[in-house]
Amino acid sequence: MLNTEDPKRDAEWVYQMIRASLIELFQLDPARITPEARLADDLEIDSIDAVDLVDQVKRATGRKVSAEDFKSVRTVSDLARAVERLVRS
């Protein structure tokens, strides 16, 4: 769970939540999921998959998520930063 007093811990929680979601939803090899991995090119996450991923993030964070929140997301790291911004808002 998030701890708003410790941003470093929050960043790790967000990354691990995303990583676990990618593994669970898309049966990805954990070794393929790195901060630099490109969602579309490296992990083969398409627009339909992205909807499932956004829904998973919404459930995990309890926050409303819009497509605009993830407009510039390309990598796992981009996604983690977007989710961090979302939970801090």
PDB file of N, CA and C in Angstrom:
ATOM      1  N   MET A   1       0.833  -1.180   0.000  1.00  0.00           N
ATOM      2  CA  MET A   1       0.000   0.000   0.000  1.00  0.00           C
ATOM      3  C   MET A   1       0.879   1.245   0.000  1.00  0.00           C
ATOM      4  N   LEU A   2       0.311   2.336  -0.475  1.00  0.00           N
ATOM      5  CA  LEU A   2       1.069   3.579  -0.562  1.00  0.00           C
ATOM      6  C   LEU A   2       1.294   4.214   0.796  1.00  0.00           C
ATOM      7  N   ASN A   3       2.443   4.850   0.935  1.00  0.00           N
ATOM      8  CA  ASN A   3       2.806   5.588   2.136  1.00  0.00           C
ATOM      9  C   ASN A   3       3.223   6.978   1.666  1.00  0.00           C
ATOM     10  N   THR A   4       2.313   7.925   1.729  1.00  0.00           N
ATOM     11  CA  THR A   4       2.571   9.244   1.159  1.00  0.00           C
ATOM     12  C   THR A   4       3.707   9.995   1.839  1.00  0.00           C
ATOM     13  N   GLU A   5       4.199   9.496   2.957  1.00  0.00           N
ATOM     14  CA  GLU A   5       5.309  10.152   3.636  1.00  0.00           C
ATOM     15  C   GLU A   5       6.665   9.694   3.109  1.00  0.00           C
ATOM     16  N   ASP A   6       6.690   8.654   2.322  1.00  0.00           N
ATOM     17  CA  ASP A   6       7.955   8.097   1.832  1.00  0.00           C
ATOM     18  C   ASP A   6       7.879   7.901   0.316  1.00  0.00           C
ATOM     19  N   PRO A   7       8.188   8.949  -0.475  1.00  0.00           N
ATOM     20  CA  PRO A   7       8.072   8.866  -1.936  1.00  0.00           C
ATOM     21  C   PRO A   7       8.894   7.747  -2.560  1.00  0.00           C
ATOM     22  N   LYS A   8      10.072   7.454  -2.012  1.00  0.00           N
ATOM     23  CA  LYS A   8      10.904   6.384  -2.562  1.00  0.00           C
ATOM     24  C   LYS A   8      10.217   5.029  -2.406  1.00  0.00           C
ATOM     25  N   ARG A   9       9.626   4.818  -1.257  1.00  0.00           N
ATOM     26  CA  ARG A   9       8.885   3.573  -1.006  1.00  0.00           C
ATOM     27  C   ARG A   9       7.661   3.503  -1.923  1.00  0.00           C
ATOM     28  N   ASP A  10       6.989   4.619  -2.104  1.00  0.00           N
ATOM     29  CA  ASP A  10       5.832   4.663  -2.996  1.00  0.00           C
ATOM     30  C   ASP A  10       6.241   4.298  -4.415  1.00  0.00           C
ATOM     31  N   ALA A  11       7.362   4.826  -4.879  1.00  0.00           N
ATOM     32  CA  ALA A  11       7.835   4.544  -6.232  1.00  0.00           C
ATOM     33  C   ALA A  11       8.093   3.052  -6.396  1.00  0.00           C
ATOM     34  N   GLU A  12       8.675   2.419  -5.406  1.00  0.00           N
ATOM     35  CA  GLU A  12       8.938   0.983  -5.466  1.00  0.00           C
ATOM     36  C   GLU A  12       7.628   0.197  -5.461  1.00  0.00           C
ATOM     37  N   TRP A  13       6.663   0.624  -4.618  1.00  0.00           N
ATOM     38  CA  TRP A  13       5.357  -0.045  -4.577  1.00  0.00           C
ATOM     39  C   TRP A  13       4.674   0.045  -5.937  1.00  0.00           C
ATOM     40  N   VAL A  14       4.685   1.229  -6.542  1.00  0.00           N
ATOM     41  CA  VAL A  14       4.059   1.426  -7.846  1.00  0.00           C
ATOM     42  C   VAL A  14       4.719   0.534  -8.889  1.00  0.00           C
ATOM     43  N   TYR A  15       6.040   0.528  -8.939  1.00  0.00           N
ATOM     44  CA  TYR A  15       6.757  -0.293  -9.918  1.00  0.00           C
ATOM     45  C   TYR A  15       6.417  -1.773  -9.733  1.00  0.00           C
ATOM     46  N   GLN A  16       6.427  -2.245  -8.503  1.00  0.00           N
ATOM     47  CA  GLN A  16       6.137  -3.659  -8.243  1.00  0.00           C
ATOM     48  C   GLN A  16       4.683  -4.004  -8.579  1.00  0.00           C
ATOM     49  N   MET A  17       3.753  -3.078  -8.326  1.00  0.00           N
ATOM     50  CA  MET A  17       2.352  -3.291  -8.665  1.00  0.00           C
ATOM     51  C   MET A  17       2.198  -3.407 -10.183  1.00  0.00           C
ATOM     52  N   ILE A  18       2.865  -2.532 -10.924  1.00  0.00           N
ATOM     53  CA  ILE A  18       2.807  -2.565 -12.383  1.00  0.00           C
ATOM     54  C   ILE A  18       3.429  -3.862 -12.895  1.00  0.00           C
ATOM     55  N   ARG A  19       4.565  -4.208 -12.364  1.00  0.00           N
ATOM     56  CA  ARG A  19       5.257  -5.431 -12.780  1.00  0.00           C
ATOM     57  C   ARG A  19       4.374  -6.656 -12.541  1.00  0.00           C
ATOM     58  N   ALA A  20       3.787  -6.741 -11.353  1.00  0.00           N
ATOM     59  CA  ALA A  20       2.906  -7.863 -11.027  1.00  0.00           C
ATOM     60  C   ALA A  20       1.686  -7.885 -11.945  1.00  0.00           C
ATOM     61  N   SER A  21       1.161  -6.718 -12.264  1.00  0.00           N
ATOM     62  CA  SER A  21       0.003  -6.629 -13.159  1.00  0.00           C
ATOM     63  C   SER A  21       0.346  -7.117 -14.556  1.00  0.00           C
ATOM     64  N   LEU A  22       1.510  -6.717 -15.052  1.00  0.00           N
ATOM     65  CA  LEU A  22       1.931  -7.151 -16.386  1.00  0.00           C
ATOM     66  C   LEU A  22       2.119  -8.669 -16.439  1.00  0.00           C
ATOM     67  N   ILE A  23       2.678  -9.217 -15.394  1.00  0.00           N
ATOM     68  CA  ILE A  23       2.886 -10.667 -15.331  1.00  0.00           C
ATOM     69  C   ILE A  23       1.542 -11.388 -15.256  1.00  0.00           C
ATOM     70  N   GLU A  24       0.675 -10.915 -14.377  1.00  0.00           N
ATOM     71  CA  GLU A  24      -0.618 -11.567 -14.174  1.00  0.00           C
ATOM     72  C   GLU A  24      -1.529 -11.453 -15.395  1.00  0.00           C
ATOM     73  N   LEU A  25      -1.662 -10.250 -15.925  1.00  0.00           N
ATOM     74  CA  LEU A  25      -2.600 -10.017 -17.024  1.00  0.00           C
ATOM     75  C   LEU A  25      -2.149 -10.615 -18.344  1.00  0.00           C
ATOM     76  N   PHE A  26      -0.851 -10.549 -18.619  1.00  0.00           N
ATOM     77  CA  PHE A  26      -0.358 -10.901 -19.948  1.00  0.00           C
ATOM     78  C   PHE A  26       0.636 -12.064 -19.951  1.00  0.00           C
ATOM     79  N   GLN A  27       0.793 -12.715 -18.800  1.00  0.00           N
ATOM     80  CA  GLN A  27       1.683 -13.867 -18.662  1.00  0.00           C
ATOM     81  C   GLN A  27       3.073 -13.586 -19.246  1.00  0.00           C
ATOM     82  N   LEU A  28       3.583 -12.402 -18.932  1.00  0.00           N
ATOM     83  CA  LEU A  28       4.903 -12.016 -19.421  1.00  0.00           C
ATOM     84  C   LEU A  28       5.995 -12.634 -18.559  1.00  0.00           C
ATOM     85  N   ASP A  29       7.109 -12.925 -19.188  1.00  0.00           N
ATOM     86  CA  ASP A  29       8.295 -13.391 -18.470  1.00  0.00           C
ATOM     87  C   ASP A  29       8.806 -12.223 -17.627  1.00  0.00           C
ATOM     88  N   PRO A  30       8.917 -12.394 -16.320  1.00  0.00           N
ATOM     89  CA  PRO A  30       9.379 -11.301 -15.464  1.00  0.00           C
ATOM     90  C   PRO A  30      10.701 -10.677 -15.913  1.00  0.00           C
ATOM     91  N   ALA A  31      11.573 -11.452 -16.535  1.00  0.00           N
ATOM     92  CA  ALA A  31      12.863 -10.934 -16.992  1.00  0.00           C
ATOM     93  C   ALA A  31      12.702  -9.882 -18.090  1.00  0.00           C
ATOM     94  N   ARG A  32      11.590  -9.919 -18.807  1.00  0.00           N
ATOM     95  CA  ARG A  32      11.348  -8.941 -19.878  1.00  0.00           C
ATOM     96  C   ARG A  32      10.896  -7.583 -19.343  1.00  0.00           C
ATOM     97  N   ILE A  33      10.427  -7.558 -18.106  1.00  0.00           N
ATOM     98  CA  ILE A  33       9.854  -6.328 -17.547  1.00  0.00           C
ATOM     99  C   ILE A  33      10.944  -5.556 -16.818  1.00  0.00           C
ATOM    100  N   THR A  34      11.441  -4.536 -17.490  1.00  0.00           N
ATOM    101  CA  THR A  34      12.452  -3.636 -16.934  1.00  0.00           C
ATOM    102  C   THR A  34      11.909  -2.221 -17.039  1.00  0.00           C
ATOM    103  N   PRO A  35      12.484  -1.283 -16.300  1.00  0.00           N
ATOM    104  CA  PRO A  35      12.006   0.097 -16.421  1.00  0.00           C
ATOM    105  C   PRO A  35      12.081   0.628 -17.852  1.00  0.00           C
ATOM    106  N   GLU A  36      13.070   0.191 -18.611  1.00  0.00           N
ATOM    107  CA  GLU A  36      13.269   0.699 -19.970  1.00  0.00           C
ATOM    108  C   GLU A  36      12.420  -0.027 -21.018  1.00  0.00           C
ATOM    109  N   ALA A  37      11.774  -1.131 -20.642  1.00  0.00           N
ATOM    110  CA  ALA A  37      10.994  -1.916 -21.604  1.00  0.00           C
ATOM    111  C   ALA A  37       9.858  -1.070 -22.174  1.00  0.00           C
ATOM    112  N   ARG A  38       9.781  -1.048 -23.503  1.00  0.00           N
ATOM    113  CA  ARG A  38       8.705  -0.320 -24.179  1.00  0.00           C
ATOM    114  C   ARG A  38       7.466  -1.202 -24.195  1.00  0.00           C
ATOM    115  N   LEU A  39       6.360  -0.637 -23.741  1.00  0.00           N
ATOM    116  CA  LEU A  39       5.138  -1.422 -23.600  1.00  0.00           C
ATOM    117  C   LEU A  39       4.710  -2.044 -24.923  1.00  0.00           C
ATOM    118  N   ALA A  40       4.644  -1.269 -25.971  1.00  0.00           N
ATOM    119  CA  ALA A  40       4.167  -1.783 -27.260  1.00  0.00           C
ATOM    120  C   ALA A  40       5.231  -2.620 -27.960  1.00  0.00           C
ATOM    121  N   ASP A  41       6.420  -2.091 -28.082  1.00  0.00           N
ATOM    122  CA  ASP A  41       7.460  -2.751 -28.878  1.00  0.00           C
ATOM    123  C   ASP A  41       8.094  -3.959 -28.189  1.00  0.00           C
ATOM    124  N   ASP A  42       8.427  -3.807 -26.922  1.00  0.00           N
ATOM    125  CA  ASP A  42       9.143  -4.873 -26.216  1.00  0.00           C
ATOM    126  C   ASP A  42       8.211  -5.880 -25.537  1.00  0.00           C
ATOM    127  N   LEU A  43       7.094  -5.370 -24.987  1.00  0.00           N
ATOM    128  CA  LEU A  43       6.195  -6.241 -24.229  1.00  0.00           C
ATOM    129  C   LEU A  43       4.929  -6.608 -25.007  1.00  0.00           C
ATOM    130  N   GLU A  44       4.795  -6.039 -26.194  1.00  0.00           N
ATOM    131  CA  GLU A  44       3.673  -6.336 -27.083  1.00  0.00           C
ATOM    132  C   GLU A  44       2.312  -6.038 -26.448  1.00  0.00           C
ATOM    133  N   ILE A  45       2.245  -4.933 -25.704  1.00  0.00           N
ATOM    134  CA  ILE A  45       0.994  -4.478 -25.108  1.00  0.00           C
ATOM    135  C   ILE A  45       0.303  -3.599 -26.137  1.00  0.00           C
ATOM    136  N   ASP A  46      -0.863  -4.042 -26.624  1.00  0.00           N
ATOM    137  CA  ASP A  46      -1.590  -3.253 -27.622  1.00  0.00           C
ATOM    138  C   ASP A  46      -2.670  -2.417 -26.929  1.00  0.00           C
ATOM    139  N   SER A  47      -3.457  -1.696 -27.704  1.00  0.00           N
ATOM    140  CA  SER A  47      -4.445  -0.784 -27.129  1.00  0.00           C
ATOM    141  C   SER A  47      -5.516  -1.524 -26.325  1.00  0.00           C
ATOM    142  N   ILE A  48      -5.894  -2.706 -26.751  1.00  0.00           N
ATOM    143  CA  ILE A  48      -6.867  -3.499 -25.993  1.00  0.00           C
ATOM    144  C   ILE A  48      -6.259  -3.925 -24.654  1.00  0.00           C
ATOM    145  N   ASP A  49      -5.022  -4.369 -24.691  1.00  0.00           N
ATOM    146  CA  ASP A  49      -4.319  -4.748 -23.460  1.00  0.00           C
ATOM    147  C   ASP A  49      -4.183  -3.547 -22.526  1.00  0.00           C
ATOM    148  N   ALA A  50      -3.948  -2.383 -23.102  1.00  0.00           N
ATOM    149  CA  ALA A  50      -3.774  -1.170 -22.297  1.00  0.00           C
ATOM    150  C   ALA A  50      -5.025  -0.871 -21.480  1.00  0.00           C
ATOM    151  N   VAL A  51      -6.193  -1.136 -22.051  1.00  0.00           N
ATOM    152  CA  VAL A  51      -7.449  -0.929 -21.325  1.00  0.00           C
ATOM    153  C   VAL A  51      -7.480  -1.825 -20.086  1.00  0.00           C
ATOM    154  N   ASP A  52      -7.089  -3.081 -20.250  1.00  0.00           N
ATOM    155  CA  ASP A  52      -7.040  -4.007 -19.109  1.00  0.00           C
ATOM    156  C   ASP A  52      -6.028  -3.542 -18.068  1.00  0.00           C
ATOM    157  N   LEU A  53      -4.899  -3.056 -18.528  1.00  0.00           N
ATOM    158  CA  LEU A  53      -3.859  -2.575 -17.621  1.00  0.00           C
ATOM    159  C   LEU A  53      -4.337  -1.350 -16.845  1.00  0.00           C
ATOM    160  N   VAL A  54      -4.987  -0.422 -17.523  1.00  0.00           N
ATOM    161  CA  VAL A  54      -5.512   0.783 -16.865  1.00  0.00           C
ATOM    162  C   VAL A  54      -6.562   0.387 -15.824  1.00  0.00           C
ATOM    163  N   ASP A  55      -7.405  -0.583 -16.157  1.00  0.00           N
ATOM    164  CA  ASP A  55      -8.414  -1.056 -15.205  1.00  0.00           C
ATOM    165  C   ASP A  55      -7.745  -1.658 -13.973  1.00  0.00           C
ATOM    166  N   GLN A  56      -6.686  -2.408 -14.175  1.00  0.00           N
ATOM    167  CA  GLN A  56      -5.944  -3.005 -13.059  1.00  0.00           C
ATOM    168  C   GLN A  56      -5.323  -1.910 -12.180  1.00  0.00           C
ATOM    169  N   VAL A  57      -4.754  -0.887 -12.806  1.00  0.00           N
ATOM    170  CA  VAL A  57      -4.170   0.232 -12.055  1.00  0.00           C
ATOM    171  C   VAL A  57      -5.256   0.934 -11.242  1.00  0.00           C
ATOM    172  N   LYS A  58      -6.392   1.126 -11.846  1.00  0.00           N
ATOM    173  CA  LYS A  58      -7.522   1.772 -11.163  1.00  0.00           C
ATOM    174  C   LYS A  58      -7.926   0.981  -9.920  1.00  0.00           C
ATOM    175  N   ARG A  59      -8.023  -0.333 -10.048  1.00  0.00           N
ATOM    176  CA  ARG A  59      -8.389  -1.175  -8.899  1.00  0.00           C
ATOM    177  C   ARG A  59      -7.305  -1.150  -7.825  1.00  0.00           C
ATOM    178  N   ALA A  60      -6.050  -1.190  -8.232  1.00  0.00           N
ATOM    179  CA  ALA A  60      -4.945  -1.238  -7.262  1.00  0.00           C
ATOM    180  C   ALA A  60      -4.773   0.072  -6.511  1.00  0.00           C
ATOM    181  N   THR A  61      -5.032   1.188  -7.185  1.00  0.00           N
ATOM    182  CA  THR A  61      -4.801   2.492  -6.559  1.00  0.00           C
ATOM    183  C   THR A  61      -6.060   3.117  -5.976  1.00  0.00           C
ATOM    184  N   GLY A  62      -7.206   2.665  -6.453  1.00  0.00           N
ATOM    185  CA  GLY A  62      -8.458   3.273  -6.007  1.00  0.00           C
ATOM    186  C   GLY A  62      -8.692   4.648  -6.607  1.00  0.00           C
ATOM    187  N   ARG A  63      -7.946   4.978  -7.639  1.00  0.00           N
ATOM    188  CA  ARG A  63      -8.061   6.291  -8.290  1.00  0.00           C
ATOM    189  C   ARG A  63      -8.728   6.172  -9.651  1.00  0.00           C
ATOM    190  N   LYS A  64      -9.459   7.216 -10.005  1.00  0.00           N
ATOM    191  CA  LYS A  64     -10.040   7.285 -11.336  1.00  0.00           C
ATOM    192  C   LYS A  64      -8.905   7.513 -12.332  1.00  0.00           C
ATOM    193  N   VAL A  65      -8.929   6.767 -13.411  1.00  0.00           N
ATOM    194  CA  VAL A  65      -7.868   6.828 -14.407  1.00  0.00           C
ATOM    195  C   VAL A  65      -8.486   7.197 -15.747  1.00  0.00           C
ATOM    196  N   SER A  66      -7.851   8.151 -16.424  1.00  0.00           N
ATOM    197  CA  SER A  66      -8.334   8.523 -17.755  1.00  0.00           C
ATOM    198  C   SER A  66      -7.244   8.249 -18.788  1.00  0.00           C
ATOM    199  N   ALA A  67      -7.659   8.163 -20.019  1.00  0.00           N
ATOM    200  CA  ALA A  67      -6.691   7.951 -21.105  1.00  0.00           C
ATOM    201  C   ALA A  67      -5.670   9.082 -21.135  1.00  0.00           C
ATOM    202  N   GLU A  68      -6.090  10.277 -20.798  1.00  0.00           N
ATOM    203  CA  GLU A  68      -5.201  11.447 -20.793  1.00  0.00           C
ATOM    204  C   GLU A  68      -4.036  11.259 -19.820  1.00  0.00           C
ATOM    205  N   ASP A  69      -4.292  10.562 -18.711  1.00  0.00           N
ATOM    206  CA  ASP A  69      -3.247  10.314 -17.714  1.00  0.00           C
ATOM    207  C   ASP A  69      -2.079   9.512 -18.292  1.00  0.00           C
ATOM    208  N   PHE A  70      -2.355   8.734 -19.333  1.00  0.00           N
ATOM    209  CA  PHE A  70      -1.349   7.836 -19.886  1.00  0.00           C
ATOM    210  C   PHE A  70      -0.983   8.163 -21.329  1.00  0.00           C
ATOM    211  N   LYS A  71      -1.327   9.357 -21.755  1.00  0.00           N
ATOM    212  CA  LYS A  71      -1.109   9.773 -23.148  1.00  0.00           C
ATOM    213  C   LYS A  71       0.343   9.648 -23.602  1.00  0.00           C
ATOM    214  N   SER A  72       1.279  10.009 -22.755  1.00  0.00           N
ATOM    215  CA  SER A  72       2.693  10.013 -23.156  1.00  0.00           C
ATOM    216  C   SER A  72       3.458   8.782 -22.661  1.00  0.00           C
ATOM    217  N   VAL A  73       2.768   7.797 -22.140  1.00  0.00           N
ATOM    218  CA  VAL A  73       3.417   6.595 -21.612  1.00  0.00           C
ATOM    219  C   VAL A  73       3.912   5.716 -22.750  1.00  0.00           C
ATOM    220  N   ARG A  74       5.199   5.381 -22.701  1.00  0.00           N
ATOM    221  CA  ARG A  74       5.795   4.494 -23.705  1.00  0.00           C
ATOM    222  C   ARG A  74       6.518   3.306 -23.070  1.00  0.00           C
ATOM    223  N   THR A  75       7.086   3.540 -21.889  1.00  0.00           N
ATOM    224  CA  THR A  75       7.881   2.503 -21.227  1.00  0.00           C
ATOM    225  C   THR A  75       7.270   2.152 -19.867  1.00  0.00           C
ATOM    226  N   VAL A  76       7.773   1.092 -19.266  1.00  0.00           N
ATOM    227  CA  VAL A  76       7.330   0.717 -17.926  1.00  0.00           C
ATOM    228  C   VAL A  76       7.638   1.848 -16.952  1.00  0.00           C
ATOM    229  N   SER A  77       8.780   2.481 -17.091  1.00  0.00           N
ATOM    230  CA  SER A  77       9.152   3.609 -16.237  1.00  0.00           C
ATOM    231  C   SER A  77       8.193   4.787 -16.417  1.00  0.00           C
ATOM    232  N   ASP A  78       7.826   5.085 -17.670  1.00  0.00           N
ATOM    233  CA  ASP A  78       6.843   6.149 -17.930  1.00  0.00           C
ATOM    234  C   ASP A  78       5.531   5.842 -17.216  1.00  0.00           C
ATOM    235  N   LEU A  79       5.119   4.589 -17.301  1.00  0.00           N
ATOM    236  CA  LEU A  79       3.871   4.168 -16.668  1.00  0.00           C
ATOM    237  C   LEU A  79       3.956   4.334 -15.158  1.00  0.00           C
ATOM    238  N   ALA A  80       5.071   3.930 -14.566  1.00  0.00           N
ATOM    239  CA  ALA A  80       5.246   4.065 -13.121  1.00  0.00           C
ATOM    240  C   ALA A  80       5.174   5.528 -12.698  1.00  0.00           C
ATOM    241  N   ARG A  81       5.827   6.414 -13.444  1.00  0.00           N
ATOM    242  CA  ARG A  81       5.774   7.847 -13.112  1.00  0.00           C
ATOM    243  C   ARG A  81       4.358   8.395 -13.244  1.00  0.00           C
ATOM    244  N   ALA A  82       3.637   7.977 -14.262  1.00  0.00           N
ATOM    245  CA  ALA A  82       2.250   8.431 -14.455  1.00  0.00           C
ATOM    246  C   ALA A  82       1.368   7.971 -13.294  1.00  0.00           C
ATOM    247  N   VAL A  83       1.554   6.741 -12.863  1.00  0.00           N
ATOM    248  CA  VAL A  83       0.759   6.223 -11.742  1.00  0.00           C
ATOM    249  C   VAL A  83       1.144   6.946 -10.457  1.00  0.00           C
ATOM    250  N   GLU A  84       2.418   7.217 -10.251  1.00  0.00           N
ATOM    251  CA  GLU A  84       2.845   7.972  -9.070  1.00  0.00           C
ATOM    252  C   GLU A  84       2.178   9.341  -9.037  1.00  0.00           C
ATOM    253  N   ARG A  85       2.164  10.040 -10.176  1.00  0.00           N
ATOM    254  CA  ARG A  85       1.489  11.353 -10.240  1.00  0.00           C
ATOM    255  C   ARG A  85       0.008  11.212  -9.916  1.00  0.00           C
ATOM    256  N   LEU A  86      -0.583  10.187 -10.436  1.00  0.00           N
ATOM    257  CA  LEU A  86      -2.007   9.946 -10.243  1.00  0.00           C
ATOM    258  C   LEU A  86      -2.339   9.736  -8.756  1.00  0.00           C
ATOM    259  N   VAL A  87      -1.565   8.922  -8.083  1.00  0.00           N
ATOM    260  CA  VAL A  87      -1.870   8.643  -6.675  1.00  0.00           C
ATOM    261  C   VAL A  87      -1.536   9.812  -5.762  1.00  0.00           C
ATOM    262  N   ARG A  88      -0.685  10.685  -6.197  1.00  0.00           N
ATOM    263  CA  ARG A  88      -0.332  11.854  -5.389  1.00  0.00           C
ATOM    264  C   ARG A  88      -1.292  13.033  -5.595  1.00  0.00           C
ATOM    265  N   SER A  89      -2.124  12.951  -6.619  1.00  0.00           N
ATOM    266  CA  SER A  89      -3.048  14.073  -6.908  1.00  0.00           C
ATOM    267  C   SER A  89      -4.271  14.032  -6.036  1.00  0.00           C
TER     268      SER A  89
END
